[in-house]
Amino acid sequence: MTLAPETTALKVHLSLGGDWLSICDLSLLTPGRGVAALLPDGCQVALFLDRAGRVYGIDNRDPFSGAAVLSRGLTGTHQGRPFVASPLLKQRFDLESGQCLDDESVRIATYEVRTS
């Protein structure tokens, strides 16, 4: 009996307080769609993979409605910047900076993400 060689899947890691927390396998992310993950402090992160292979992590909580739904939002680009639009009230959030593109007084948390 021959065993298939073991392959190592790339993992998505999030920077939290100077430490790196392993979140999931990169293969679980689909370009253009988000997934939510529960963090140790009870907050949620929304992870997004773009078509170029970049991974983004933002707070999953929509600051306008208070609901944890940003992972279900629609992704796109505005002036070359990746964003997610809230599925509830449609405000757009820059995936790199967290800045709301529709209300400059609002910003959500972003997380440093790496794969390895």
Protein backbone atom coordinates (compact mmCIF):
# COMPACT_ATOMS: atom_id res chain seq x y z
CA MET A 1 0.00 0.00 0.00
CA THR A 2 1.38 3.38 -1.01
CA LEU A 3 0.44 6.45 0.96
CA ALA A 4 -0.02 9.77 -0.80
CA PRO A 5 2.59 12.35 0.18
CA GLU A 6 1.39 14.71 2.88
CA THR A 7 0.70 18.19 1.61
CA THR A 8 0.74 21.29 3.74
CA ALA A 9 -2.12 23.68 3.12
CA LEU A 10 -1.49 27.39 3.43
CA LYS A 11 -3.02 28.86 6.58
CA VAL A 12 -4.44 32.33 7.13
CA HIS A 13 -3.00 34.02 10.23
CA LEU A 14 -4.18 37.22 11.93
CA SER A 15 -2.01 39.54 14.02
CA LEU A 16 -3.51 40.01 17.49
CA GLY A 17 -1.58 41.87 20.16
CA GLY A 18 1.80 41.02 18.70
CA ASP A 19 1.01 37.32 18.28
CA TRP A 20 -0.18 35.50 15.16
CA LEU A 21 -3.41 33.52 15.47
CA SER A 22 -4.09 30.78 12.93
CA ILE A 23 -7.64 31.29 11.59
CA CYS A 24 -8.27 28.80 8.76
CA ASP A 25 -6.89 27.14 5.64
CA LEU A 26 -6.55 29.56 2.73
CA SER A 27 -8.42 27.00 0.60
CA LEU A 28 -11.61 27.80 2.56
CA LEU A 29 -11.69 31.34 1.17
CA THR A 30 -13.33 32.03 -2.20
CA PRO A 31 -12.28 35.12 -4.19
CA GLY A 32 -14.88 37.86 -3.89
CA ARG A 33 -16.70 36.30 -0.93
CA GLY A 34 -16.18 36.81 2.78
CA VAL A 35 -16.13 34.49 5.76
CA ALA A 36 -16.49 35.34 9.44
CA ALA A 37 -14.33 33.93 12.22
CA LEU A 38 -14.74 34.24 15.98
CA LEU A 39 -11.74 35.70 17.81
CA PRO A 40 -10.66 34.74 21.35
CA ASP A 41 -12.07 38.02 22.77
CA GLY A 42 -15.54 37.28 21.35
CA CYS A 43 -15.27 39.75 18.46
CA GLN A 44 -15.55 38.63 14.85
CA VAL A 45 -13.24 39.19 11.91
CA ALA A 46 -14.41 39.18 8.29
CA LEU A 47 -11.82 37.67 5.93
CA PHE A 48 -11.77 38.33 2.19
CA LEU A 49 -9.64 36.90 -0.61
CA ASP A 50 -9.41 38.96 -3.78
CA ARG A 51 -8.84 37.59 -7.26
CA ALA A 52 -5.14 38.53 -7.08
CA GLY A 53 -4.70 36.30 -4.02
CA ARG A 54 -4.49 39.05 -1.37
CA VAL A 55 -6.24 38.39 1.93
CA TYR A 56 -7.86 41.15 4.01
CA GLY A 57 -9.17 41.11 7.58
CA ILE A 58 -11.67 43.66 8.92
CA ASP A 59 -14.08 43.93 11.83
CA ASN A 60 -17.22 41.98 10.90
CA ARG A 61 -19.50 44.43 12.74
CA ASP A 62 -21.30 47.02 10.60
CA PRO A 63 -20.94 50.27 12.60
CA PHE A 64 -24.16 51.70 11.14
CA SER A 65 -26.48 48.82 12.11
CA GLY A 66 -24.45 47.08 14.83
CA ALA A 67 -24.97 43.71 13.13
CA ALA A 68 -22.08 41.32 12.46
CA VAL A 69 -22.68 41.07 8.70
CA LEU A 70 -19.79 42.61 6.75
CA SER A 71 -18.49 39.14 5.81
CA ARG A 72 -21.69 38.75 3.76
CA GLY A 73 -21.19 42.01 1.86
CA LEU A 74 -20.47 42.53 -1.81
CA THR A 75 -16.87 43.24 -2.78
CA GLY A 76 -15.63 45.59 -5.46
CA THR A 77 -13.12 48.33 -6.19
CA HIS A 78 -13.41 52.11 -6.12
CA GLN A 79 -10.58 54.12 -7.68
CA GLY A 80 -8.39 51.02 -7.51
CA ARG A 81 -9.11 50.39 -3.81
CA PRO A 82 -10.76 47.13 -2.69
CA PHE A 83 -13.94 47.51 -0.63
CA VAL A 84 -16.84 45.60 0.84
CA ALA A 85 -20.37 47.02 0.85
CA SER A 86 -22.50 46.24 3.86
CA PRO A 87 -25.38 43.91 2.94
CA LEU A 88 -27.74 45.97 5.12
CA LEU A 89 -27.32 49.69 4.43
CA LYS A 90 -24.79 49.41 1.55
CA GLN A 91 -22.04 51.63 3.02
CA ARG A 92 -18.69 50.71 1.51
CA PHE A 93 -15.58 50.04 3.61
CA ASP A 94 -12.03 50.07 2.27
CA LEU A 95 -10.57 46.60 2.93
CA GLU A 96 -7.05 47.98 3.48
CA SER A 97 -7.71 50.97 5.74
CA GLY A 98 -11.21 50.33 7.14
CA GLN A 99 -12.29 53.82 6.06
CA CYS A 100 -15.96 54.16 5.14
CA LEU A 101 -16.07 55.46 1.57
CA ASP A 102 -19.54 56.94 2.11
CA ASP A 103 -18.96 58.69 5.46
CA GLU A 104 -15.42 59.84 6.17
CA SER A 105 -16.13 60.13 9.91
CA VAL A 106 -16.52 56.33 10.19
CA ARG A 107 -13.76 53.72 10.16
CA ILE A 108 -13.72 50.04 11.13
CA ALA A 109 -10.83 48.03 12.52
CA THR A 110 -8.52 46.24 10.13
CA TYR A 111 -6.20 43.35 10.89
CA GLU A 112 -2.79 42.45 9.55
CA VAL A 113 -3.10 39.13 7.75
CA ARG A 114 -0.50 36.73 6.39
CA THR A 115 -0.49 33.28 4.87
CA SER A 116 2.08 30.56 5.47
